[in-house]
N, C-alpha and C. Protein backbone atom coordinates (compact mmCIF):
# COMPACT_ATOMS: atom_id res chain seq x y z
N MET A 1 26.78 -62.64 19.70
CA MET A 1 28.02 -62.60 19.39
C MET A 1 28.64 -62.51 18.07
N ALA A 2 29.50 -61.44 17.69
CA ALA A 2 30.82 -61.84 16.26
C ALA A 2 30.98 -62.42 16.60
N SER A 3 31.68 -62.90 15.56
CA SER A 3 32.73 -64.50 15.33
C SER A 3 34.10 -63.56 15.44
N THR A 4 34.90 -64.19 15.79
CA THR A 4 36.20 -63.41 15.38
C THR A 4 37.05 -63.64 14.42
N THR A 5 36.59 -65.12 13.88
CA THR A 5 37.32 -65.15 12.29
C THR A 5 36.80 -63.95 11.14
N LEU A 6 37.68 -63.75 9.91
CA LEU A 6 37.59 -62.83 9.53
C LEU A 6 37.22 -63.67 8.40
N LEU A 7 35.71 -63.48 7.92
CA LEU A 7 36.03 -63.88 6.56
C LEU A 7 36.27 -63.42 5.16
N PRO A 8 36.13 -64.22 4.31
CA PRO A 8 36.97 -63.94 3.23
C PRO A 8 36.35 -62.75 2.25
N ALA A 9 37.02 -61.52 1.78
CA ALA A 9 36.14 -60.69 1.38
C ALA A 9 35.31 -60.83 0.20
N GLU A 10 35.38 -62.11 -0.34
CA GLU A 10 34.58 -62.32 -1.22
C GLU A 10 33.12 -62.90 -1.00
N ASN A 11 32.96 -63.06 0.39
CA ASN A 11 31.44 -62.96 0.80
C ASN A 11 31.36 -61.75 1.46
N PRO A 12 31.08 -60.78 1.25
CA PRO A 12 31.08 -59.67 2.34
C PRO A 12 29.94 -59.70 2.69
N GLN A 13 28.54 -60.26 2.02
CA GLN A 13 27.40 -59.83 2.33
C GLN A 13 26.84 -61.01 3.67
N LYS A 14 27.42 -62.11 3.69
CA LYS A 14 27.28 -62.71 4.99
C LYS A 14 28.29 -62.60 6.25
N SER A 15 29.44 -61.92 5.48
CA SER A 15 30.08 -61.16 6.90
C SER A 15 29.18 -60.26 7.52
N ILE A 16 28.65 -59.49 6.62
CA ILE A 16 27.71 -58.04 6.73
C ILE A 16 26.76 -58.75 8.11
N LEU A 17 25.91 -59.45 7.18
CA LEU A 17 24.73 -59.95 8.17
C LEU A 17 25.05 -60.98 9.35
N GLU A 18 25.91 -61.19 9.37
CA GLU A 18 25.95 -62.02 10.46
C GLU A 18 26.67 -61.39 11.61
N ASP A 19 28.10 -60.56 10.94
CA ASP A 19 29.02 -59.85 12.20
C ASP A 19 28.49 -58.16 11.74
N GLY A 20 28.19 -57.72 10.87
CA GLY A 20 28.05 -56.51 10.81
C GLY A 20 29.06 -55.63 10.28
N VAL A 21 30.33 -56.53 9.40
CA VAL A 21 31.25 -55.78 9.12
C VAL A 21 31.76 -57.35 8.17
N PHE A 22 32.89 -56.27 7.34
CA PHE A 22 33.43 -57.73 6.26
C PHE A 22 34.94 -56.87 6.48
N CYS A 23 36.01 -57.79 5.87
CA CYS A 23 37.22 -57.44 6.19
C CYS A 23 37.83 -57.42 4.77
N ALA A 24 38.90 -57.08 3.75
CA ALA A 24 39.14 -57.24 3.06
C ALA A 24 40.76 -56.45 3.09
N GLU A 25 41.89 -57.03 3.02
CA GLU A 25 43.14 -56.49 2.85
C GLU A 25 43.25 -55.13 1.65
N ASP A 26 44.14 -54.09 2.34
CA ASP A 26 44.04 -53.37 1.31
C ASP A 26 45.41 -52.65 1.43
N PRO A 27 46.92 -52.89 0.76
CA PRO A 27 47.83 -52.57 1.09
C PRO A 27 47.91 -50.57 1.06
N ILE A 28 47.30 -50.03 0.55
CA ILE A 28 46.74 -48.34 0.48
C ILE A 28 46.45 -48.02 2.00
N VAL A 29 45.45 -48.56 2.18
CA VAL A 29 44.63 -48.25 3.00
C VAL A 29 45.19 -48.73 4.49
N GLY A 30 46.07 -49.70 4.13
CA GLY A 30 47.11 -50.41 5.44
C GLY A 30 47.77 -49.05 5.69
N LYS A 31 48.71 -48.68 4.42
CA LYS A 31 49.41 -47.32 4.93
C LYS A 31 48.96 -46.57 5.54
N ARG A 32 48.11 -45.91 4.99
CA ARG A 32 47.17 -44.50 5.33
C ARG A 32 47.12 -44.93 6.84
N VAL A 33 46.42 -46.32 7.65
CA VAL A 33 46.25 -46.68 8.60
C VAL A 33 47.60 -46.63 9.73
N ASP A 34 48.65 -47.15 8.94
CA ASP A 34 49.88 -47.41 9.87
C ASP A 34 50.31 -45.81 10.24
N GLU A 35 50.24 -45.07 9.26
CA GLU A 35 50.49 -43.39 9.54
C GLU A 35 49.60 -42.92 10.50
N ILE A 36 48.34 -42.50 10.56
CA ILE A 36 47.52 -42.26 11.72
C ILE A 36 47.83 -42.91 12.58
N ALA A 37 48.11 -44.16 12.81
CA ALA A 37 48.33 -45.03 13.85
C ALA A 37 49.89 -44.22 14.76
N GLN A 38 50.48 -44.28 13.82
CA GLN A 38 51.62 -43.44 14.45
C GLN A 38 51.43 -41.95 15.38
N LYS A 39 50.50 -41.11 14.37
CA LYS A 39 49.95 -40.15 15.33
C LYS A 39 49.02 -39.86 16.53
N GLY A 40 48.77 -41.45 16.83
CA GLY A 40 47.83 -41.42 17.81
C GLY A 40 46.43 -41.59 17.66
N PHE A 41 46.02 -41.87 16.05
CA PHE A 41 44.61 -42.01 16.05
C PHE A 41 43.86 -40.66 16.30
N PRO A 42 44.49 -39.90 15.99
CA PRO A 42 43.44 -38.57 16.05
C PRO A 42 42.07 -38.18 15.76
N PHE A 43 41.22 -39.18 15.50
CA PHE A 43 39.80 -38.98 14.50
C PHE A 43 39.10 -37.58 15.01
N LYS A 44 39.28 -37.19 15.96
CA LYS A 44 38.52 -35.91 16.67
C LYS A 44 39.32 -34.59 15.94
N THR A 45 39.96 -35.04 14.99
CA THR A 45 40.71 -33.22 14.35
C THR A 45 40.09 -33.60 13.40
N GLU A 46 40.07 -32.19 12.40
CA GLU A 46 40.23 -32.31 11.11
C GLU A 46 40.55 -33.59 10.02
N GLU A 47 42.14 -33.66 10.29
CA GLU A 47 42.81 -34.87 9.83
C GLU A 47 41.96 -35.92 10.15
N GLY A 48 41.69 -36.38 11.48
CA GLY A 48 41.24 -37.82 11.52
C GLY A 48 39.86 -37.92 10.95
N LEU A 49 38.79 -36.70 10.69
CA LEU A 49 37.84 -37.32 10.15
C LEU A 49 37.90 -36.85 8.28
N ASP A 50 39.48 -36.33 7.92
CA ASP A 50 39.46 -36.18 6.46
C ASP A 50 39.95 -38.35 6.27
N PHE A 51 40.79 -38.65 7.02
CA PHE A 51 41.32 -40.04 6.92
C PHE A 51 39.88 -41.00 7.22
N CYS A 52 38.75 -40.70 7.88
CA CYS A 52 37.81 -41.36 7.97
C CYS A 52 37.20 -41.73 6.70
N LYS A 53 37.13 -40.01 6.01
CA LYS A 53 36.01 -40.16 4.97
C LYS A 53 36.75 -40.54 3.85
N LEU A 54 38.20 -40.02 3.64
CA LEU A 54 38.73 -40.90 2.55
C LEU A 54 38.71 -42.55 2.39
N ASN A 55 38.55 -43.00 3.70
CA ASN A 55 38.71 -44.38 3.62
C ASN A 55 37.40 -45.08 3.62
N THR A 56 36.31 -44.79 3.62
CA THR A 56 35.18 -44.85 3.42
C THR A 56 34.17 -44.28 2.92
N LEU A 57 33.54 -42.93 2.91
CA LEU A 57 32.73 -42.58 1.71
C LEU A 57 33.85 -42.26 0.79
N ASP A 58 34.51 -41.94 0.77
CA ASP A 58 35.33 -41.75 -0.59
C ASP A 58 36.21 -42.80 -1.49
N ASP A 59 36.06 -43.83 -0.77
CA ASP A 59 37.02 -45.17 -1.27
C ASP A 59 36.27 -45.87 -2.55
N LYS A 60 37.16 -45.73 -3.51
CA LYS A 60 36.81 -46.06 -4.82
C LYS A 60 35.89 -47.66 -4.65
N VAL A 61 37.14 -48.43 -3.61
CA VAL A 61 36.30 -49.79 -3.81
C VAL A 61 35.22 -49.73 -3.21
N ASN A 62 34.71 -49.03 -2.31
CA ASN A 62 33.30 -49.25 -1.40
C ASN A 62 32.23 -48.56 -2.74
N LYS A 63 32.78 -47.67 -3.32
CA LYS A 63 31.76 -47.07 -4.44
C LYS A 63 31.54 -47.91 -5.40
N GLU A 64 32.32 -48.89 -5.86
CA GLU A 64 32.21 -50.05 -6.95
C GLU A 64 31.95 -50.91 -6.68
N ASN A 65 31.78 -51.42 -4.97
CA ASN A 65 31.35 -52.69 -4.81
C ASN A 65 29.87 -52.56 -4.70
N ASP A 66 29.04 -53.46 -5.59
CA ASP A 66 27.59 -53.50 -5.45
C ASP A 66 27.30 -53.96 -4.10
N MET A 67 27.83 -54.55 -3.10
CA MET A 67 27.34 -55.00 -2.16
C MET A 67 27.58 -54.01 -1.11
N CYS A 68 28.37 -53.37 -0.97
CA CYS A 68 28.25 -51.87 -0.49
C CYS A 68 27.11 -50.78 -0.30
N LYS A 69 26.74 -50.92 -1.49
CA LYS A 69 25.26 -50.15 -2.30
C LYS A 69 24.10 -50.02 -1.26
N GLY A 70 24.24 -51.58 -1.00
CA GLY A 70 22.70 -51.84 -0.16
C GLY A 70 22.70 -51.51 1.58
N TYR A 71 24.09 -51.15 1.99
CA TYR A 71 24.51 -50.83 3.32
C TYR A 71 24.63 -49.28 3.71
N ILE A 72 25.38 -48.34 2.63
CA ILE A 72 25.56 -46.98 2.67
C ILE A 72 25.32 -46.41 1.08
N ASN A 73 24.91 -45.16 1.89
CA ASN A 73 24.42 -44.47 0.87
C ASN A 73 25.83 -43.79 0.12
N ILE A 74 25.84 -43.86 -1.02
CA ILE A 74 26.78 -43.24 -1.85
C ILE A 74 26.36 -42.63 -3.28
């Protein structure tokens, strides 16, 4: 079972291997999440799909993070 403790972003490989995710605070993404939360998380809409794409596949931090390159095709 995955732990509920958030591991520091400095060690994303350990977190991904053990829990399947890693967490790093990002105020820009946080603001985007707050905005879409106010709309009820409409992920099954064009806007929701754009949100997911923007914050995962198109995210500059993900593209520059060598750790992510081994887990997603960019």
